[in-house]
Structures are given as C-alpha cells and as structure tokens.
Amino acid sequence: NGKVALLMNDLIINVAHQPGLWGLALRLTGSTGRPRVIPIVRRRLKIDRAAMRSYLEALAARRDVAVLTTSHGQALTSDIAATVMNVARDLDRRPDRAPRAELDASLPAERARR
C-alpha cells in the first residue's frame, strides 16, 4: 500500500505514567506521560537540538508513515505527524524535566495509593 514504518528505537519513547515509587521517579525525570525524547537521551547522546528538530520535522512532513515504533511504550498508529511535531517542539523546552503541571497532576493519585 506504499506505507512505511518508522523505527525510532530509543530516540522517541511513548511510556504511560507508571504507579508506585518507580513511576514517580520516572515522572520526575521526564520519562513518561507522552511521546518524547527523554532527557537522559538528550544528555547522553549530546543531541544537537536544532539538527534533531529539523530531522523530526522532516519525518512529520511525510504522508506515507503508517506506524512509528519505539523501544519503550506503545507504537503510534494515529496522529503520527502531529505527535512527531510535538516531540520536535519539546526539544526546545527547558529544563529537561516534566512540566510542573504534569507532575502536580500525577502526585495526588500517587498519594492516594499510599
């Protein structure tokens, strides 16, 4: 059908928030909640944000992508272009942590489980 799959491996992850102390640690490091390039990958690979943003924007412009797979989390099968554009925009966000509102929203549920 002329469609392709993008294999992103560890570049883009798509892990939902997890319960418990480990889940809290993952949220605090910005590693869960939505598709993203996680901070540890940005630092360890010394990603050139401008080059990576351009690369992701070019992928988002493709209309032949049927699925985007990741090494961690769910594969993307819908809204791929919009999601990849959001990941590209996230590269500019500082600090390399989950937004405060995202953390605040997850903490009451964490406290309720205790």
C-alpha atoms as a PDB file:
ATOM      1  CA  ASN A   1       0.000   0.000   0.000  1.00  0.00           C
ATOM      2  CA  GLY A   2       3.035   2.303  -0.152  1.00  0.00           C
ATOM      3  CA  LYS A   3       3.098   2.966   3.606  1.00  0.00           C
ATOM      4  CA  VAL A   4       6.214   2.777   5.780  1.00  0.00           C
ATOM      5  CA  ALA A   5       7.056   2.186   9.432  1.00  0.00           C
ATOM      6  CA  LEU A   6       9.486   4.425  11.307  1.00  0.00           C
ATOM      7  CA  LEU A   7      11.668   2.616  13.829  1.00  0.00           C
ATOM      8  CA  MET A   8      12.723   5.170  16.408  1.00  0.00           C
ATOM      9  CA  ASN A   9      14.190   2.788  18.991  1.00  0.00           C
ATOM     10  CA  ASP A  10      15.382   4.851  21.975  1.00  0.00           C
ATOM     11  CA  LEU A  11      15.126   8.238  20.285  1.00  0.00           C
ATOM     12  CA  ILE A  12      11.386   8.645  20.919  1.00  0.00           C
ATOM     13  CA  ILE A  13       9.703   6.829  23.779  1.00  0.00           C
ATOM     14  CA  ASN A  14       5.979   6.563  24.485  1.00  0.00           C
ATOM     15  CA  VAL A  15       5.588   5.268  28.031  1.00  0.00           C
ATOM     16  CA  ALA A  16       2.464   5.937  30.077  1.00  0.00           C
ATOM     17  CA  HIS A  17       2.818   7.109  33.666  1.00  0.00           C
ATOM     18  CA  GLN A  18       3.549   4.173  35.959  1.00  0.00           C
ATOM     19  CA  PRO A  19       2.339   3.567  39.525  1.00  0.00           C
ATOM     20  CA  GLY A  20       4.438   3.460  42.645  1.00  0.00           C
ATOM     21  CA  LEU A  21       7.761   4.888  43.648  1.00  0.00           C
ATOM     22  CA  TRP A  22       9.426   3.812  40.383  1.00  0.00           C
ATOM     23  CA  GLY A  23       6.655   5.547  38.454  1.00  0.00           C
ATOM     24  CA  LEU A  24       7.191   8.723  40.455  1.00  0.00           C
ATOM     25  CA  ALA A  25      10.934   8.581  39.726  1.00  0.00           C
ATOM     26  CA  LEU A  26      10.211   8.193  36.004  1.00  0.00           C
ATOM     27  CA  ARG A  27       7.824  11.176  36.077  1.00  0.00           C
ATOM     28  CA  LEU A  28      10.349  13.333  37.921  1.00  0.00           C
ATOM     29  CA  THR A  29      12.964  12.578  35.256  1.00  0.00           C
ATOM     30  CA  GLY A  30      10.549  13.400  32.429  1.00  0.00           C
ATOM     31  CA  SER A  31      10.496   9.838  31.119  1.00  0.00           C
ATOM     32  CA  THR A  32       6.752   9.148  30.955  1.00  0.00           C
ATOM     33  CA  GLY A  33       3.434  10.688  30.084  1.00  0.00           C
ATOM     34  CA  ARG A  34       3.611  11.297  26.343  1.00  0.00           C
ATOM     35  CA  PRO A  35       5.817  10.605  23.324  1.00  0.00           C
ATOM     36  CA  ARG A  36       9.137  12.417  23.759  1.00  0.00           C
ATOM     37  CA  VAL A  37      12.900  12.382  23.563  1.00  0.00           C
ATOM     38  CA  ILE A  38      13.744  11.775  27.193  1.00  0.00           C
ATOM     39  CA  PRO A  39      16.286  13.980  28.966  1.00  0.00           C
ATOM     40  CA  ILE A  40      18.815  11.199  29.553  1.00  0.00           C
ATOM     41  CA  VAL A  41      18.936  10.534  25.798  1.00  0.00           C
ATOM     42  CA  ARG A  42      19.408  14.247  25.121  1.00  0.00           C
ATOM     43  CA  ARG A  43      22.344  14.419  27.524  1.00  0.00           C
ATOM     44  CA  ARG A  44      23.995  11.054  26.884  1.00  0.00           C
ATOM     45  CA  LEU A  45      23.883  11.333  23.115  1.00  0.00           C
ATOM     46  CA  LYS A  46      24.654  15.043  23.205  1.00  0.00           C
ATOM     47  CA  ILE A  47      21.853  15.658  20.736  1.00  0.00           C
ATOM     48  CA  ASP A  48      22.158  18.735  18.562  1.00  0.00           C
ATOM     49  CA  ARG A  49      18.647  20.018  19.220  1.00  0.00           C
ATOM     50  CA  ALA A  50      18.422  22.087  16.041  1.00  0.00           C
ATOM     51  CA  ALA A  51      19.517  19.181  13.844  1.00  0.00           C
ATOM     52  CA  MET A  52      17.212  16.751  15.655  1.00  0.00           C
ATOM     53  CA  ARG A  53      14.285  19.172  15.415  1.00  0.00           C
ATOM     54  CA  SER A  54      14.857  19.510  11.646  1.00  0.00           C
ATOM     55  CA  TYR A  55      15.037  15.736  11.294  1.00  0.00           C
ATOM     56  CA  LEU A  56      11.813  15.199  13.244  1.00  0.00           C
ATOM     57  CA  GLU A  57      10.034  17.965  11.324  1.00  0.00           C
ATOM     58  CA  ALA A  58      11.022  16.260   8.065  1.00  0.00           C
ATOM     59  CA  LEU A  59       9.631  12.966   9.360  1.00  0.00           C
ATOM     60  CA  ALA A  60       6.419  14.708  10.424  1.00  0.00           C
ATOM     61  CA  ALA A  61       6.009  16.080   6.894  1.00  0.00           C
ATOM     62  CA  ARG A  62       5.921  12.578   5.415  1.00  0.00           C
ATOM     63  CA  ARG A  63       2.458  11.339   4.494  1.00  0.00           C
ATOM     64  CA  ASP A  64       3.444   7.708   3.947  1.00  0.00           C
ATOM     65  CA  VAL A  65       4.043   6.763   7.608  1.00  0.00           C
ATOM     66  CA  ALA A  66       1.608   4.147   8.935  1.00  0.00           C
ATOM     67  CA  VAL A  67       3.307   3.343  12.237  1.00  0.00           C
ATOM     68  CA  LEU A  68       6.068   4.724  14.445  1.00  0.00           C
ATOM     69  CA  THR A  69       7.633   2.193  16.781  1.00  0.00           C
ATOM     70  CA  THR A  70       9.661   2.836  19.914  1.00  0.00           C
ATOM     71  CA  SER A  71      11.795   0.605  22.119  1.00  0.00           C
ATOM     72  CA  HIS A  72       9.745   1.664  25.141  1.00  0.00           C
ATOM     73  CA  GLY A  73       5.978   2.085  25.149  1.00  0.00           C
ATOM     74  CA  GLN A  74       3.185   1.870  22.636  1.00  0.00           C
ATOM     75  CA  ALA A  75       3.720   2.210  18.908  1.00  0.00           C
ATOM     76  CA  LEU A  76       1.988   5.193  17.327  1.00  0.00           C
ATOM     77  CA  THR A  77      -0.582   4.378  14.671  1.00  0.00           C
ATOM     78  CA  SER A  78      -2.636   7.568  14.526  1.00  0.00           C
ATOM     79  CA  ASP A  79      -1.855  11.292  14.539  1.00  0.00           C
ATOM     80  CA  ILE A  80       1.776  10.422  13.833  1.00  0.00           C
ATOM     81  CA  ALA A  81       2.665  13.682  12.068  1.00  0.00           C
ATOM     82  CA  ALA A  82       1.197  15.859  14.844  1.00  0.00           C
ATOM     83  CA  THR A  83       2.840  13.753  17.541  1.00  0.00           C
ATOM     84  CA  VAL A  84       6.279  13.920  15.910  1.00  0.00           C
ATOM     85  CA  MET A  85       5.902  17.702  15.509  1.00  0.00           C
ATOM     86  CA  ASN A  86       5.097  17.962  19.228  1.00  0.00           C
ATOM     87  CA  VAL A  87       8.184  15.903  20.056  1.00  0.00           C
ATOM     88  CA  ALA A  88      10.258  18.246  17.862  1.00  0.00           C
ATOM     89  CA  ARG A  89       8.853  21.302  19.692  1.00  0.00           C
ATOM     90  CA  ASP A  90       9.565  19.677  23.066  1.00  0.00           C
ATOM     91  CA  LEU A  91      13.273  19.648  22.242  1.00  0.00           C
ATOM     92  CA  ASP A  92      13.320  23.400  22.930  1.00  0.00           C
ATOM     93  CA  ARG A  93      11.673  23.146  26.322  1.00  0.00           C
ATOM     94  CA  ARG A  94      13.854  23.713  29.369  1.00  0.00           C
ATOM     95  CA  PRO A  95      14.588  22.461  31.914  1.00  0.00           C
ATOM     96  CA  ASP A  96      14.851  18.824  30.808  1.00  0.00           C
ATOM     97  CA  ARG A  97      12.081  17.761  33.147  1.00  0.00           C
ATOM     98  CA  ALA A  98       8.393  17.085  33.037  1.00  0.00           C
ATOM     99  CA  PRO A  99       6.347  20.283  33.165  1.00  0.00           C
ATOM    100  CA  ARG A 100       5.330  21.235  36.700  1.00  0.00           C
ATOM    101  CA  ALA A 101       1.613  20.948  35.882  1.00  0.00           C
ATOM    102  CA  GLU A 102       2.161  17.379  34.660  1.00  0.00           C
ATOM    103  CA  LEU A 103       3.930  16.453  37.896  1.00  0.00           C
ATOM    104  CA  ASP A 104       1.314  18.158  40.050  1.00  0.00           C
ATOM    105  CA  ALA A 105      -1.480  16.305  38.258  1.00  0.00           C
ATOM    106  CA  SER A 106       0.161  12.924  38.899  1.00  0.00           C
ATOM    107  CA  LEU A 107       1.027  13.408  42.573  1.00  0.00           C
ATOM    108  CA  PRO A 108      -2.484  13.291  44.153  1.00  0.00           C
ATOM    109  CA  ALA A 109      -3.094   9.883  42.579  1.00  0.00           C
ATOM    110  CA  GLU A 110       0.277   8.727  43.888  1.00  0.00           C
ATOM    111  CA  ARG A 111      -0.545   9.928  47.427  1.00  0.00           C
ATOM    112  CA  ALA A 112      -3.955   8.212  47.298  1.00  0.00           C
ATOM    113  CA  ARG A 113      -2.315   4.828  46.646  1.00  0.00           C
ATOM    114  CA  ARG A 114      -0.281   5.016  49.873  1.00  0.00           C
END
